[in-house]
């Protein structure tokens, strides 16, 4: 068995501080804001429709009122489903884009380990104590930012 030559990296820091990760978060947040704007407009439209149906209740035949109410409730459910689908879609595309960053981190760590002779690299969150000179995080971050400054968030998670 070879002698263990170990290093550590702060994986969480890499996944939050890398330029590509920040870029992904910015793109997802921009989409989220766009979706929220659309949802807000739909909520206002539903609110106005609800008020109009309530106003018309006394002049509509009971079966017509009931049908309008049913149609309205279906629109509310559709809006809720769309909102949920968009949230899930955003999380899925974010995870897919961050997977690209994760893979790049692994490649950079592998390159550095080979260059510097490490045969074991651990996430710092799992190590109780280590010498600061064993921490590759800053070096990995610098290389990663040059290698992968941007990741395009896909439209779908597939």
Protein backbone atom coordinates (compact mmCIF):
# COMPACT_ATOMS: atom_id res chain seq x y z
CA UNK A 1 0.00 0.00 0.00
CA UNK A 2 1.37 3.44 -0.88
CA UNK A 3 1.84 6.09 1.76
CA UNK A 4 -1.20 8.36 1.96
CA UNK A 5 -0.57 11.90 0.79
CA UNK A 6 -3.73 13.84 1.57
CA UNK A 7 -5.23 17.23 0.84
CA UNK A 8 -8.59 18.85 1.54
CA UNK A 9 -10.97 21.14 -0.32
CA UNK A 10 -13.93 23.14 0.91
CA UNK A 11 -16.44 21.81 -1.58
CA UNK A 12 -19.33 23.97 -0.33
CA UNK A 13 -17.23 27.09 -0.70
CA UNK A 14 -16.24 26.10 -4.22
CA UNK A 15 -19.90 25.50 -5.14
CA UNK A 16 -20.92 28.91 -3.79
CA UNK A 17 -17.93 31.13 -4.59
CA UNK A 18 -17.05 29.92 -8.09
CA UNK A 19 -17.84 32.42 -10.85
CA UNK A 20 -19.87 29.80 -12.70
CA UNK A 21 -21.95 28.98 -9.59
CA UNK A 22 -22.66 32.66 -8.98
CA UNK A 23 -23.55 33.06 -12.64
CA UNK A 24 -25.96 30.12 -12.42
CA UNK A 25 -27.62 31.62 -9.35
CA UNK A 26 -28.00 34.97 -11.12
CA UNK A 27 -29.57 33.32 -14.19
CA UNK A 28 -31.98 31.27 -12.06
CA UNK A 29 -32.93 34.31 -10.01
CA UNK A 30 -33.64 36.32 -13.17
CA UNK A 31 -35.93 33.53 -14.40
CA UNK A 32 -37.60 33.31 -11.00
CA UNK A 33 -38.29 37.05 -11.06
CA UNK A 34 -39.75 36.78 -14.55
CA UNK A 35 -41.97 33.90 -13.47
CA UNK A 36 -43.08 35.82 -10.37
CA UNK A 37 -43.98 38.84 -12.51
CA UNK A 38 -46.10 36.61 -14.76
CA UNK A 39 -47.71 34.97 -11.75
CA UNK A 40 -48.44 38.31 -10.16
CA UNK A 41 -50.20 39.49 -13.32
CA UNK A 42 -52.25 36.27 -13.43
CA UNK A 43 -53.15 36.63 -9.73
CA UNK A 44 -54.37 40.16 -10.36
CA UNK A 45 -56.44 38.96 -13.32
CA UNK A 46 -57.93 36.15 -11.19
CA UNK A 47 -58.70 38.59 -8.39
CA UNK A 48 -60.50 40.90 -10.83
CA UNK A 49 -62.40 37.98 -12.33
CA UNK A 50 -63.45 36.78 -8.88
CA UNK A 51 -64.76 40.23 -8.01
CA UNK A 52 -66.66 40.43 -11.32
CA UNK A 53 -68.27 37.02 -10.81
CA UNK A 54 -69.30 37.99 -7.28
CA UNK A 55 -70.74 41.27 -8.59
CA UNK A 56 -72.75 39.42 -11.25
CA UNK A 57 -74.14 36.81 -8.83
CA UNK A 58 -77.45 38.60 -8.28
CA UNK A 59 -78.13 39.08 -12.01
CA UNK A 60 -77.03 35.67 -13.30
CA UNK A 61 -79.15 32.55 -13.37
CA UNK A 62 -77.95 30.10 -10.67
CA UNK A 63 -76.67 27.55 -13.22
CA UNK A 64 -74.77 30.25 -15.14
CA UNK A 65 -73.24 31.57 -11.91
CA UNK A 66 -72.27 28.02 -10.87
CA UNK A 67 -70.61 27.38 -14.25
CA UNK A 68 -68.68 30.67 -14.11
CA UNK A 69 -67.56 29.82 -10.60
CA UNK A 70 -66.44 26.33 -11.70
CA UNK A 71 -64.52 27.78 -14.65
CA UNK A 72 -62.89 30.30 -12.34
CA UNK A 73 -61.82 27.61 -9.86
CA UNK A 74 -60.28 25.61 -12.72
CA UNK A 75 -58.25 28.66 -13.75
CA UNK A 76 -57.07 29.09 -10.16
CA UNK A 77 -55.97 25.44 -10.07
CA UNK A 78 -54.19 25.81 -13.41
CA UNK A 79 -52.35 28.85 -12.11
CA UNK A 80 -51.32 26.95 -8.98
CA UNK A 81 -50.10 23.97 -11.04
CA UNK A 82 -48.14 26.25 -13.36
CA UNK A 83 -46.53 27.98 -10.39
CA UNK A 84 -45.51 24.63 -8.87
CA UNK A 85 -44.20 23.34 -12.22
CA UNK A 86 -42.11 26.45 -12.70
CA UNK A 87 -40.60 26.15 -9.22
CA UNK A 88 -39.72 22.52 -9.86
CA UNK A 89 -38.34 23.34 -13.31
CA UNK A 90 -36.12 26.09 -11.89
CA UNK A 91 -34.70 23.78 -9.25
CA UNK A 92 -34.12 21.03 -11.82
CA UNK A 93 -32.27 23.27 -14.30
CA UNK A 94 -30.28 24.83 -11.47
CA UNK A 95 -29.23 21.37 -10.28
CA UNK A 96 -28.29 20.35 -13.82
CA UNK A 97 -26.16 23.47 -14.31
CA UNK A 98 -24.49 23.04 -10.92
CA UNK A 99 -23.71 19.47 -11.93
CA UNK A 100 -21.50 20.93 -14.64
CA UNK A 101 -19.67 22.97 -12.00
CA UNK A 102 -19.36 19.91 -9.74
CA UNK A 103 -17.81 17.91 -12.56
CA UNK A 104 -15.36 20.72 -13.31
CA UNK A 105 -14.37 20.88 -9.62
CA UNK A 106 -13.63 17.17 -9.66
CA UNK A 107 -11.52 17.53 -12.82
CA UNK A 108 -9.53 20.45 -11.36
CA UNK A 109 -8.97 18.61 -8.07
CA UNK A 110 -7.82 15.55 -10.02
CA UNK A 111 -5.36 17.66 -12.04
CA UNK A 112 -3.96 19.32 -8.92
CA UNK A 113 -3.70 16.02 -7.08
CA UNK A 114 -1.68 14.52 -9.93
CA UNK A 115 0.56 17.61 -10.20
CA UNK A 116 1.26 17.77 -6.46
CA UNK A 117 1.34 14.06 -5.68
CA UNK A 118 -1.80 13.73 -3.56
CA UNK A 119 -3.46 10.35 -3.61
CA UNK A 120 -6.33 11.30 -1.28
CA UNK A 121 -8.38 14.50 -1.40
CA UNK A 122 -11.16 14.91 1.15
CA UNK A 123 -13.88 17.50 1.60
CA UNK A 124 -12.84 19.73 4.48
CA UNK A 125 -16.28 19.38 6.06
CA UNK A 126 -15.48 15.74 6.89
CA UNK A 127 -12.04 16.40 8.37
CA UNK A 128 -11.76 17.36 12.02
CA UNK A 129 -8.28 18.87 11.85
CA UNK A 130 -5.82 19.59 9.07
CA UNK A 131 -2.84 21.85 8.41
CA UNK A 132 -3.77 24.93 6.34
CA UNK A 133 -1.15 24.07 3.71
CA UNK A 134 -3.16 20.92 2.86
CA UNK A 135 -6.13 23.04 1.78
CA UNK A 136 -6.40 23.23 -2.01
CA UNK A 137 -9.60 25.28 -2.04
CA UNK A 138 -8.13 28.61 -3.14
CA UNK A 139 -6.04 27.00 -5.86
CA UNK A 140 -9.00 24.99 -7.13
CA UNK A 141 -11.16 28.11 -7.12
CA UNK A 142 -8.63 30.12 -9.13
CA UNK A 143 -8.24 27.39 -11.76
CA UNK A 144 -11.97 26.71 -11.87
CA UNK A 145 -12.81 30.39 -12.42
CA UNK A 146 -10.43 30.49 -15.39
CA UNK A 147 -11.54 27.15 -16.79
CA UNK A 148 -15.30 27.62 -16.30
CA UNK A 149 -16.33 31.25 -15.75
CA UNK A 150 -19.85 30.73 -17.13
CA UNK A 151 -22.42 27.94 -17.37
CA UNK A 152 -25.57 28.47 -19.39
CA UNK A 153 -28.60 27.36 -17.42
CA UNK A 154 -30.63 25.12 -19.73
CA UNK A 155 -34.30 25.71 -20.47
CA UNK A 156 -35.20 22.19 -19.39
CA UNK A 157 -33.62 19.66 -17.07
CA UNK A 158 -33.55 16.91 -19.69
